[in-house]
Every structure is written in structure tokens, then in C-alpha cells.
């Protein structure tokens, strides 16, 4: 399939969104087929597929409500049927959330965010793991939030659920590394797409807020993340080969993207049936 990825496809949950679409196209540019998952925006998913095909890639689209484990399994099975196997799961799905303080959250708002992002990601990982076990490994890449380490004003309904997923990523990396399964997270800042664009239309962000955020984080177009000097697709390819779990921060400074890797020590533990000893390996 090429130097970046093995045969098969990357399945992208949220592939109809702003950054999901750009990631899908760059997978195609890297020689990988792409399975594009969407919940309601079929037109955007079809547009993504057309862009993938223009890049000489193979694409399939799959409607799925990630809150439904059976629906996730059906979409995953359809992707395998279309492409032979899935080598990478990219998680970029999430609701458009209100920009309100924690004190103003309603139970319905918080539940909606948790069910889509947390239960959705759990359903995706739980569905993919048996397939990865049966096919010699695979990779999970979670598109998280820069707010994981820098709380963004009023954006907690987006940030809080992703924190749970960050913990799950670390757990998968520790438990599944022995099976050649990688799990990593990329902490993405504000971009001119998706939540930010819709929030502008709703009037959530005033000019002062936009100026402050753009001065600190990467508020450019999604393509800047995936086709700069250090494109996201190459980063994902590298993460599929790493044995440690990493969080990658993407920020914008001096008009260029800067990647800051923060390694997290992980211990891979596996019980050996023959002698019941625990083997531990710590990556350097």
C-alpha cells in the first residue's frame, strides 16, 4: 500500500466534517483507501468521497449513529467488505456544542456530549479491537482538543468528553501494545471549520475572542494541519509504528505549524499462561 500504511483502509468517524474531510484526502494521497463515516450529512460525506477519488484513492461512505454499538459494527463490517481490512481508526466525530459555562450546562447537553463522544469512541474501539487482533495489529488515532491542557473559555462541553477518551487511549496503548496495536491522540486547536464555523454563525464568538484564540492556537483551515511541512497524515503514519503513547500538540507560531511531542511512559503488561509471570517492557 505504500511506505505509510498497510493494505486496507482507514475508517474515519466524522469523515464528513472539516478536519475529517482533509484527513481522508491525505490518506488517499498516501495510498490508503478510506471508509468515511457520517451520521446525518450525506452530501458532505459524498463530497469527501469525491475528493478522495480525485486523489486516485478508493472511498466508501457509511451512515452510522456512533451511540449504537450495532450500527458501528455494521459500518465497520461494511468497510471491511469494501476494502479487505481496516488498518487505522481515526476518531473525529462529535456534536456541535453550545458555548456556555460549566455552571450553565444542562443534563441533556452533557449527556448528549458524553453519549456521542465517549460512548461513541468506546463503541468504535470495542468494535475494532477484535479485527486488529485477528489481522496482526492496527492503530487508533484520536483527534482530541488542545483544551485538554489549556481550558478554553466556555468550550467545556467539547473538552470534557475528550478527556475521558484521552484516558481510554492510554489504557489501550498499555494493554494492546503487545498485540501491535497503537493508540495515540492528537490535540487539535481551533480551526476554521466545524464547531468554530457553526459557532460563528450562532454568534458564540465575538471579535475579541477570535483575535485572542488566533493569536495562541492554530486557527487556520483544516488543510494546514494535514498538508504543511509536517503534515498530519505523516504524523499519523509515524504514530502507527510507535510503541509508546504520545500526545501531539499542534500550534501555530511564526506563521508555521509546530509539533510538540510529549512522551508518556507506558508499561506493557501481559500475563504469560505458561508460567504466570508478568512481563514488563518500558520503551525508551
C-alpha atoms as a PDB file:
ATOM      1  CA  UNK A   1       0.000   0.000   0.000  1.00  0.00           C
ATOM      2  CA  UNK A   2       2.986   2.284   0.357  1.00  0.00           C
ATOM      3  CA  UNK A   3       5.502   3.337   2.942  1.00  0.00           C
ATOM      4  CA  UNK A   4       2.952   4.815   5.329  1.00  0.00           C
ATOM      5  CA  UNK A   5       0.195   2.218   5.656  1.00  0.00           C
ATOM      6  CA  UNK A   6      -0.504  -1.477   5.014  1.00  0.00           C
ATOM      7  CA  UNK A   7      -3.213  -2.845   2.738  1.00  0.00           C
ATOM      8  CA  UNK A   8      -6.764  -1.939   3.642  1.00  0.00           C
ATOM      9  CA  UNK A   9      -8.467   1.251   4.686  1.00  0.00           C
ATOM     10  CA  UNK A  10      -8.524   3.914   7.318  1.00  0.00           C
ATOM     11  CA  UNK A  11     -12.000   4.303   8.773  1.00  0.00           C
ATOM     12  CA  UNK A  12     -12.717   7.885   9.741  1.00  0.00           C
ATOM     13  CA  UNK A  13     -15.548   8.615  12.156  1.00  0.00           C
ATOM     14  CA  UNK A  14     -16.547  12.187  11.477  1.00  0.00           C
ATOM     15  CA  UNK A  15     -15.231  11.951   7.922  1.00  0.00           C
ATOM     16  CA  UNK A  16     -17.822  14.427   6.675  1.00  0.00           C
ATOM     17  CA  UNK A  17     -16.548  17.191   8.973  1.00  0.00           C
ATOM     18  CA  UNK A  18     -13.966  19.875   8.288  1.00  0.00           C
ATOM     19  CA  UNK A  19     -10.800  18.220   9.565  1.00  0.00           C
ATOM     20  CA  UNK A  20     -12.159  14.722   8.894  1.00  0.00           C
ATOM     21  CA  UNK A  21     -12.549  15.520   5.210  1.00  0.00           C
ATOM     22  CA  UNK A  22      -8.995  16.823   4.926  1.00  0.00           C
ATOM     23  CA  UNK A  23      -7.613  13.801   6.773  1.00  0.00           C
ATOM     24  CA  UNK A  24      -9.486  11.488   4.406  1.00  0.00           C
ATOM     25  CA  UNK A  25      -7.977  13.166   1.355  1.00  0.00           C
ATOM     26  CA  UNK A  26      -4.461  12.955   2.752  1.00  0.00           C
ATOM     27  CA  UNK A  27      -4.901   9.244   3.474  1.00  0.00           C
ATOM     28  CA  UNK A  28      -5.756   8.888  -0.205  1.00  0.00           C
ATOM     29  CA  UNK A  29      -2.661  10.883  -1.160  1.00  0.00           C
ATOM     30  CA  UNK A  30      -0.621   8.483   0.981  1.00  0.00           C
ATOM     31  CA  UNK A  31      -2.024   5.496  -0.900  1.00  0.00           C
ATOM     32  CA  UNK A  32      -4.630   4.246   1.544  1.00  0.00           C
ATOM     33  CA  UNK A  33      -8.283   3.526   0.877  1.00  0.00           C
ATOM     34  CA  UNK A  34     -10.725   5.404   3.105  1.00  0.00           C
ATOM     35  CA  UNK A  35     -14.033   4.464   4.743  1.00  0.00           C
ATOM     36  CA  UNK A  36     -15.922   7.668   5.541  1.00  0.00           C
ATOM     37  CA  UNK A  37     -18.420   7.549   8.394  1.00  0.00           C
ATOM     38  CA  UNK A  38     -21.095  10.172   8.888  1.00  0.00           C
ATOM     39  CA  UNK A  39     -24.283  10.495  10.908  1.00  0.00           C
ATOM     40  CA  UNK A  40     -26.560  12.891   9.019  1.00  0.00           C
ATOM     41  CA  UNK A  41     -24.657  14.936   6.428  1.00  0.00           C
ATOM     42  CA  UNK A  42     -24.676  12.541   3.493  1.00  0.00           C
ATOM     43  CA  UNK A  43     -23.905  15.288   0.975  1.00  0.00           C
ATOM     44  CA  UNK A  44     -20.709  16.215   2.824  1.00  0.00           C
ATOM     45  CA  UNK A  45     -19.706  12.542   3.048  1.00  0.00           C
ATOM     46  CA  UNK A  46     -20.240  12.116  -0.696  1.00  0.00           C
ATOM     47  CA  UNK A  47     -18.192  15.247  -1.316  1.00  0.00           C
ATOM     48  CA  UNK A  48     -15.384  13.776   0.775  1.00  0.00           C
ATOM     49  CA  UNK A  49     -15.555  10.550  -1.233  1.00  0.00           C
ATOM     50  CA  UNK A  50     -15.315  12.506  -4.480  1.00  0.00           C
ATOM     51  CA  UNK A  51     -12.257  14.361  -3.214  1.00  0.00           C
ATOM     52  CA  UNK A  52     -10.653  11.048  -2.238  1.00  0.00           C
ATOM     53  CA  UNK A  53     -11.335   9.631  -5.696  1.00  0.00           C
ATOM     54  CA  UNK A  54      -9.860  12.719  -7.348  1.00  0.00           C
ATOM     55  CA  UNK A  55      -6.711  11.951  -5.369  1.00  0.00           C
ATOM     56  CA  UNK A  56      -6.748   8.497  -7.015  1.00  0.00           C
ATOM     57  CA  UNK A  57      -7.967   6.873  -3.818  1.00  0.00           C
ATOM     58  CA  UNK A  58     -10.746   4.401  -3.112  1.00  0.00           C
ATOM     59  CA  UNK A  59     -13.571   5.536  -0.864  1.00  0.00           C
ATOM     60  CA  UNK A  60     -16.713   4.140   0.690  1.00  0.00           C
ATOM     61  CA  UNK A  61     -19.262   6.006   2.788  1.00  0.00           C
ATOM     62  CA  UNK A  62     -21.166   4.615   5.770  1.00  0.00           C
ATOM     63  CA  UNK A  63     -24.050   6.167   7.679  1.00  0.00           C
ATOM     64  CA  UNK A  64     -23.773   5.428  11.391  1.00  0.00           C
ATOM     65  CA  UNK A  65     -25.010   6.718  14.724  1.00  0.00           C
ATOM     66  CA  UNK A  66     -21.979   6.029  16.899  1.00  0.00           C
ATOM     67  CA  UNK A  67     -24.153   5.795  20.017  1.00  0.00           C
ATOM     68  CA  UNK A  68     -25.478   2.485  18.664  1.00  0.00           C
ATOM     69  CA  UNK A  69     -22.933  -0.338  19.025  1.00  0.00           C
ATOM     70  CA  UNK A  70     -24.758  -2.458  16.460  1.00  0.00           C
ATOM     71  CA  UNK A  71     -24.702   0.376  13.932  1.00  0.00           C
ATOM     72  CA  UNK A  72     -20.972   0.867  14.487  1.00  0.00           C
ATOM     73  CA  UNK A  73     -20.388  -2.857  13.963  1.00  0.00           C
ATOM     74  CA  UNK A  74     -22.423  -2.796  10.734  1.00  0.00           C
ATOM     75  CA  UNK A  75     -20.457   0.186   9.387  1.00  0.00           C
ATOM     76  CA  UNK A  76     -17.164  -1.451  10.332  1.00  0.00           C
ATOM     77  CA  UNK A  77     -18.170  -4.730   8.665  1.00  0.00           C
ATOM     78  CA  UNK A  78     -19.184  -2.825   5.538  1.00  0.00           C
ATOM     79  CA  UNK A  79     -15.793  -1.092   5.457  1.00  0.00           C
ATOM     80  CA  UNK A  80     -14.033  -4.454   5.748  1.00  0.00           C
ATOM     81  CA  UNK A  81     -16.202  -5.858   2.954  1.00  0.00           C
ATOM     82  CA  UNK A  82     -15.338  -2.886   0.730  1.00  0.00           C
ATOM     83  CA  UNK A  83     -11.609  -2.718   1.439  1.00  0.00           C
ATOM     84  CA  UNK A  84     -10.475  -6.089   2.804  1.00  0.00           C
ATOM     85  CA  UNK A  85      -9.433  -4.854   6.225  1.00  0.00           C
ATOM     86  CA  UNK A  86      -9.167  -1.734   8.380  1.00  0.00           C
ATOM     87  CA  UNK A  87      -5.680  -0.727   9.470  1.00  0.00           C
ATOM     88  CA  UNK A  88      -6.436   2.592  11.200  1.00  0.00           C
ATOM     89  CA  UNK A  89      -9.344   4.070  13.131  1.00  0.00           C
ATOM     90  CA  UNK A  90      -9.412   7.874  13.192  1.00  0.00           C
ATOM     91  CA  UNK A  91     -11.886   9.369  15.656  1.00  0.00           C
ATOM     92  CA  UNK A  92     -13.042  12.866  14.742  1.00  0.00           C
ATOM     93  CA  UNK A  93     -16.761  12.576  15.489  1.00  0.00           C
ATOM     94  CA  UNK A  94     -18.519  14.892  17.892  1.00  0.00           C
ATOM     95  CA  UNK A  95     -21.565  17.102  18.333  1.00  0.00           C
ATOM     96  CA  UNK A  96     -21.732  20.834  17.805  1.00  0.00           C
ATOM     97  CA  UNK A  97     -21.993  22.071  21.379  1.00  0.00           C
ATOM     98  CA  UNK A  98     -23.196  25.267  22.989  1.00  0.00           C
ATOM     99  CA  UNK A  99     -20.557  27.671  24.288  1.00  0.00           C
ATOM    100  CA  UNK A 100     -21.655  28.031  27.908  1.00  0.00           C
ATOM    101  CA  UNK A 101     -20.040  27.935  31.341  1.00  0.00           C
ATOM    102  CA  UNK A 102     -19.965  24.714  33.349  1.00  0.00           C
ATOM    103  CA  UNK A 103     -22.500  26.171  35.770  1.00  0.00           C
ATOM    104  CA  UNK A 104     -24.955  26.629  32.894  1.00  0.00           C
ATOM    105  CA  UNK A 105     -24.714  23.110  31.450  1.00  0.00           C
ATOM    106  CA  UNK A 106     -27.972  21.200  31.345  1.00  0.00           C
ATOM    107  CA  UNK A 107     -28.143  17.466  31.965  1.00  0.00           C
ATOM    108  CA  UNK A 108     -29.319  16.995  28.389  1.00  0.00           C
ATOM    109  CA  UNK A 109     -26.348  18.920  26.947  1.00  0.00           C
ATOM    110  CA  UNK A 110     -23.789  16.998  28.974  1.00  0.00           C
ATOM    111  CA  UNK A 111     -25.457  13.643  28.327  1.00  0.00           C
ATOM    112  CA  UNK A 112     -25.528  14.312  24.573  1.00  0.00           C
ATOM    113  CA  UNK A 113     -21.822  15.145  24.506  1.00  0.00           C
ATOM    114  CA  UNK A 114     -20.890  12.103  26.578  1.00  0.00           C
ATOM    115  CA  UNK A 115     -23.058   9.689  24.604  1.00  0.00           C
ATOM    116  CA  UNK A 116     -21.709  10.787  21.223  1.00  0.00           C
ATOM    117  CA  UNK A 117     -18.039  11.305  22.034  1.00  0.00           C
ATOM    118  CA  UNK A 118     -17.368   8.913  24.904  1.00  0.00           C
ATOM    119  CA  UNK A 119     -19.757   6.042  24.277  1.00  0.00           C
ATOM    120  CA  UNK A 120     -19.240   6.556  20.547  1.00  0.00           C
ATOM    121  CA  UNK A 121     -15.473   6.216  20.827  1.00  0.00           C
ATOM    122  CA  UNK A 122     -15.870   3.246  23.160  1.00  0.00           C
ATOM    123  CA  UNK A 123     -18.127   1.575  20.592  1.00  0.00           C
ATOM    124  CA  UNK A 124     -15.580   2.226  17.846  1.00  0.00           C
ATOM    125  CA  UNK A 125     -12.630   0.857  19.820  1.00  0.00           C
ATOM    126  CA  UNK A 126     -14.580  -2.144  21.071  1.00  0.00           C
ATOM    127  CA  UNK A 127     -15.622  -2.976  17.529  1.00  0.00           C
ATOM    128  CA  UNK A 128     -12.154  -2.527  16.032  1.00  0.00           C
ATOM    129  CA  UNK A 129     -10.069  -4.405  18.608  1.00  0.00           C
ATOM    130  CA  UNK A 130     -11.120  -7.963  17.614  1.00  0.00           C
ATOM    131  CA  UNK A 131     -10.417  -7.107  13.975  1.00  0.00           C
ATOM    132  CA  UNK A 132      -6.988  -5.744  14.866  1.00  0.00           C
ATOM    133  CA  UNK A 133      -6.228  -8.847  16.955  1.00  0.00           C
ATOM    134  CA  UNK A 134      -7.108 -11.069  14.012  1.00  0.00           C
ATOM    135  CA  UNK A 135      -5.043  -9.079  11.497  1.00  0.00           C
ATOM    136  CA  UNK A 136      -1.736  -8.509  13.227  1.00  0.00           C
ATOM    137  CA  UNK A 137      -2.434  -5.101  14.748  1.00  0.00           C
ATOM    138  CA  UNK A 138      -3.734  -1.678  13.882  1.00  0.00           C
ATOM    139  CA  UNK A 139      -3.854   1.877  15.062  1.00  0.00           C
ATOM    140  CA  UNK A 140      -6.236   4.239  16.842  1.00  0.00           C
ATOM    141  CA  UNK A 141      -5.792   7.980  16.384  1.00  0.00           C
ATOM    142  CA  UNK A 142      -7.996  10.232  18.499  1.00  0.00           C
ATOM    143  CA  UNK A 143      -8.403  13.831  17.360  1.00  0.00           C
ATOM    144  CA  UNK A 144      -8.704  15.486  20.742  1.00  0.00           C
ATOM    145  CA  UNK A 145      -8.616  19.062  21.960  1.00  0.00           C
ATOM    146  CA  UNK A 146      -5.825  21.442  22.840  1.00  0.00           C
ATOM    147  CA  UNK A 147      -8.164  22.342  25.684  1.00  0.00           C
ATOM    148  CA  UNK A 148      -7.105  19.111  27.390  1.00  0.00           C
ATOM    149  CA  UNK A 149      -4.212  21.060  28.919  1.00  0.00           C
ATOM    150  CA  UNK A 150      -5.468  24.626  28.449  1.00  0.00           C
ATOM    151  CA  UNK A 151      -9.140  25.018  29.388  1.00  0.00           C
ATOM    152  CA  UNK A 152     -10.844  27.129  26.709  1.00  0.00           C
ATOM    153  CA  UNK A 153     -13.434  29.575  27.961  1.00  0.00           C
ATOM    154  CA  UNK A 154     -16.991  28.198  27.556  1.00  0.00           C
ATOM    155  CA  UNK A 155     -15.940  25.193  25.448  1.00  0.00           C
ATOM    156  CA  UNK A 156     -16.142  22.581  28.192  1.00  0.00           C
ATOM    157  CA  UNK A 157     -18.907  20.543  26.568  1.00  0.00           C
ATOM    158  CA  UNK A 158     -16.395  19.719  23.855  1.00  0.00           C
ATOM    159  CA  UNK A 159     -13.317  19.349  26.044  1.00  0.00           C
ATOM    160  CA  UNK A 160     -14.650  17.318  28.983  1.00  0.00           C
ATOM    161  CA  UNK A 161     -15.780  14.248  26.992  1.00  0.00           C
ATOM    162  CA  UNK A 162     -12.488  14.137  25.121  1.00  0.00           C
ATOM    163  CA  UNK A 163     -10.658  13.894  28.458  1.00  0.00           C
ATOM    164  CA  UNK A 164     -12.318  10.524  29.024  1.00  0.00           C
ATOM    165  CA  UNK A 165     -11.188   9.418  25.588  1.00  0.00           C
ATOM    166  CA  UNK A 166      -7.633  10.512  26.389  1.00  0.00           C
ATOM    167  CA  UNK A 167      -7.675   8.111  29.348  1.00  0.00           C
ATOM    168  CA  UNK A 168      -9.040   5.307  27.160  1.00  0.00           C
ATOM    169  CA  UNK A 169      -6.300   5.916  24.593  1.00  0.00           C
ATOM    170  CA  UNK A 170      -3.648   5.489  27.292  1.00  0.00           C
ATOM    171  CA  UNK A 171      -5.285   2.289  28.508  1.00  0.00           C
ATOM    172  CA  UNK A 172      -5.422   0.793  25.021  1.00  0.00           C
ATOM    173  CA  UNK A 173      -1.787   1.725  24.413  1.00  0.00           C
ATOM    174  CA  UNK A 174      -0.698  -0.029  27.591  1.00  0.00           C
ATOM    175  CA  UNK A 175      -2.835  -3.125  27.236  1.00  0.00           C
ATOM    176  CA  UNK A 176      -2.742  -3.663  23.489  1.00  0.00           C
ATOM    177  CA  UNK A 177       0.816  -2.695  22.527  1.00  0.00           C
ATOM    178  CA  UNK A 178       1.843  -6.330  22.892  1.00  0.00           C
ATOM    179  CA  UNK A 179      -0.588  -7.087  20.044  1.00  0.00           C
ATOM    180  CA  UNK A 180       0.991  -4.461  17.747  1.00  0.00           C
ATOM    181  CA  UNK A 181      -1.949  -2.132  18.336  1.00  0.00           C
ATOM    182  CA  UNK A 182      -1.088   1.551  18.678  1.00  0.00           C
ATOM    183  CA  UNK A 183      -3.218   4.212  20.328  1.00  0.00           C
ATOM    184  CA  UNK A 184      -2.372   7.895  20.195  1.00  0.00           C
ATOM    185  CA  UNK A 185      -4.034  11.263  20.487  1.00  0.00           C
ATOM    186  CA  UNK A 186      -3.525  14.491  18.568  1.00  0.00           C
ATOM    187  CA  UNK A 187      -4.634  17.570  20.480  1.00  0.00           C
ATOM    188  CA  UNK A 188      -6.067  19.891  17.855  1.00  0.00           C
ATOM    189  CA  UNK A 189      -6.564  23.605  18.405  1.00  0.00           C
ATOM    190  CA  UNK A 190      -9.201  25.864  16.892  1.00  0.00           C
ATOM    191  CA  UNK A 191      -9.598  25.610  13.119  1.00  0.00           C
ATOM    192  CA  UNK A 192     -11.765  27.443  10.606  1.00  0.00           C
ATOM    193  CA  UNK A 193     -14.222  24.588  10.197  1.00  0.00           C
ATOM    194  CA  UNK A 194     -16.810  22.517  12.012  1.00  0.00           C
ATOM    195  CA  UNK A 195     -17.628  23.706  15.527  1.00  0.00           C
ATOM    196  CA  UNK A 196     -15.855  27.037  15.068  1.00  0.00           C
ATOM    197  CA  UNK A 197     -17.633  27.894  11.801  1.00  0.00           C
ATOM    198  CA  UNK A 198     -21.046  26.936  13.155  1.00  0.00           C
ATOM    199  CA  UNK A 199     -20.322  28.810  16.381  1.00  0.00           C
ATOM    200  CA  UNK A 200     -19.579  31.935  14.384  1.00  0.00           C
ATOM    201  CA  UNK A 201     -22.938  31.654  12.645  1.00  0.00           C
ATOM    202  CA  UNK A 202     -24.664  31.231  16.012  1.00  0.00           C
ATOM    203  CA  UNK A 203     -22.881  34.289  17.391  1.00  0.00           C
ATOM    204  CA  UNK A 204     -20.958  32.442  20.124  1.00  0.00           C
ATOM    205  CA  UNK A 205     -17.637  34.128  19.305  1.00  0.00           C
ATOM    206  CA  UNK A 206     -17.057  37.864  19.256  1.00  0.00           C
ATOM    207  CA  UNK A 207     -14.150  39.596  17.520  1.00  0.00           C
ATOM    208  CA  UNK A 208     -12.094  39.879  20.713  1.00  0.00           C
ATOM    209  CA  UNK A 209     -12.431  36.141  21.389  1.00  0.00           C
ATOM    210  CA  UNK A 210     -11.446  35.239  17.837  1.00  0.00           C
ATOM    211  CA  UNK A 211      -8.414  37.532  17.942  1.00  0.00           C
ATOM    212  CA  UNK A 212      -7.237  36.070  21.249  1.00  0.00           C
ATOM    213  CA  UNK A 213      -7.625  32.464  20.121  1.00  0.00           C
ATOM    214  CA  UNK A 214      -5.999  33.002  16.746  1.00  0.00           C
ATOM    215  CA  UNK A 215      -3.001  34.571  18.467  1.00  0.00           C
ATOM    216  CA  UNK A 216      -2.485  31.470  20.622  1.00  0.00           C
ATOM    217  CA  UNK A 217      -3.625  28.455  18.651  1.00  0.00           C
ATOM    218  CA  UNK A 218      -3.845  27.135  15.093  1.00  0.00           C
ATOM    219  CA  UNK A 219      -6.971  28.794  13.775  1.00  0.00           C
ATOM    220  CA  UNK A 220      -6.235  28.208  10.116  1.00  0.00           C
ATOM    221  CA  UNK A 221      -8.032  25.986   7.640  1.00  0.00           C
ATOM    222  CA  UNK A 222      -8.036  22.205   8.179  1.00  0.00           C
ATOM    223  CA  UNK A 223      -5.671  21.760   5.241  1.00  0.00           C
ATOM    224  CA  UNK A 224      -2.948  23.480   7.287  1.00  0.00           C
ATOM    225  CA  UNK A 225      -2.994  20.537   9.671  1.00  0.00           C
ATOM    226  CA  UNK A 226      -2.704  17.876   7.028  1.00  0.00           C
ATOM    227  CA  UNK A 227      -0.538  19.348   4.258  1.00  0.00           C
ATOM    228  CA  UNK A 228       2.006  21.591   5.959  1.00  0.00           C
ATOM    229  CA  UNK A 229       5.725  20.867   6.206  1.00  0.00           C
ATOM    230  CA  UNK A 230       4.870  18.319   8.910  1.00  0.00           C
ATOM    231  CA  UNK A 231       1.528  17.040   7.605  1.00  0.00           C
ATOM    232  CA  UNK A 232      -0.894  15.254   9.873  1.00  0.00           C
ATOM    233  CA  UNK A 233      -1.018  12.229   7.628  1.00  0.00           C
ATOM    234  CA  UNK A 234       2.711  11.585   8.019  1.00  0.00           C
ATOM    235  CA  UNK A 235       2.345  12.117  11.743  1.00  0.00           C
ATOM    236  CA  UNK A 236      -0.421   9.512  11.884  1.00  0.00           C
ATOM    237  CA  UNK A 237       1.753   7.143   9.879  1.00  0.00           C
ATOM    238  CA  UNK A 238       4.548   7.576  12.393  1.00  0.00           C
ATOM    239  CA  UNK A 239       2.211   7.047  15.331  1.00  0.00           C
ATOM    240  CA  UNK A 240       1.041   3.724  13.901  1.00  0.00           C
ATOM    241  CA  UNK A 241       4.596   2.459  14.316  1.00  0.00           C
ATOM    242  CA  UNK A 242       5.347   3.817  17.782  1.00  0.00           C
ATOM    243  CA  UNK A 243       5.268   1.528  20.799  1.00  0.00           C
ATOM    244  CA  UNK A 244       4.705   4.324  23.315  1.00  0.00           C
ATOM    245  CA  UNK A 245       1.667   6.523  23.694  1.00  0.00           C
ATOM    246  CA  UNK A 246       2.079  10.119  22.638  1.00  0.00           C
ATOM    247  CA  UNK A 247       0.111  13.290  22.774  1.00  0.00           C
ATOM    248  CA  UNK A 248       0.873  15.613  19.897  1.00  0.00           C
ATOM    249  CA  UNK A 249       0.175  19.308  20.254  1.00  0.00           C
ATOM    250  CA  UNK A 250      -0.369  21.283  17.068  1.00  0.00           C
ATOM    251  CA  UNK A 251       0.049  25.013  17.453  1.00  0.00           C
ATOM    252  CA  UNK A 252       0.719  27.857  15.105  1.00  0.00           C
ATOM    253  CA  UNK A 253       3.641  30.193  15.622  1.00  0.00           C
ATOM    254  CA  UNK A 254       5.604  32.429  13.279  1.00  0.00           C
ATOM    255  CA  UNK A 255       3.138  31.501  10.529  1.00  0.00           C
ATOM    256  CA  UNK A 256       4.246  27.856  10.599  1.00  0.00           C
ATOM    257  CA  UNK A 257       2.954  24.762  12.328  1.00  0.00           C
ATOM    258  CA  UNK A 258       4.986  23.435  15.194  1.00  0.00           C
ATOM    259  CA  UNK A 259       4.615  19.910  16.545  1.00  0.00           C
ATOM    260  CA  UNK A 260       5.440  19.327  20.192  1.00  0.00           C
ATOM    261  CA  UNK A 261       5.620  15.695  21.254  1.00  0.00           C
ATOM    262  CA  UNK A 262       5.094  14.856  24.899  1.00  0.00           C
ATOM    263  CA  UNK A 263       6.015  11.235  25.521  1.00  0.00           C
ATOM    264  CA  UNK A 264       4.167   9.365  28.220  1.00  0.00           C
ATOM    265  CA  UNK A 265       5.921   6.388  29.745  1.00  0.00           C
ATOM    266  CA  UNK A 266       3.843   3.305  29.311  1.00  0.00           C
ATOM    267  CA  UNK A 267       4.181  -0.183  30.710  1.00  0.00           C
ATOM    268  CA  UNK A 268       3.008  -3.073  28.602  1.00  0.00           C
ATOM    269  CA  UNK A 269       1.923  -5.906  30.859  1.00  0.00           C
ATOM    270  CA  UNK A 270       0.860  -9.329  29.684  1.00  0.00           C
ATOM    271  CA  UNK A 271       0.164 -12.490  31.661  1.00  0.00           C
ATOM    272  CA  UNK A 272       2.055 -15.478  30.331  1.00  0.00           C
ATOM    273  CA  UNK A 273      -0.084 -18.629  30.715  1.00  0.00           C
ATOM    274  CA  UNK A 274       2.914 -20.971  30.842  1.00  0.00           C
ATOM    275  CA  UNK A 275       4.483 -19.586  33.988  1.00  0.00           C
ATOM    276  CA  UNK A 276       2.013 -16.922  35.209  1.00  0.00           C
ATOM    277  CA  UNK A 277       4.749 -14.297  35.301  1.00  0.00           C
ATOM    278  CA  UNK A 278       4.122 -10.698  34.342  1.00  0.00           C
ATOM    279  CA  UNK A 279       6.479  -9.309  31.727  1.00  0.00           C
ATOM    280  CA  UNK A 280       7.064  -5.586  31.675  1.00  0.00           C
ATOM    281  CA  UNK A 281       8.706  -3.595  28.907  1.00  0.00           C
ATOM    282  CA  UNK A 282       9.273   0.124  29.111  1.00  0.00           C
ATOM    283  CA  UNK A 283      10.012   1.886  25.822  1.00  0.00           C
ATOM    284  CA  UNK A 284      12.969   4.198  25.840  1.00  0.00           C
END
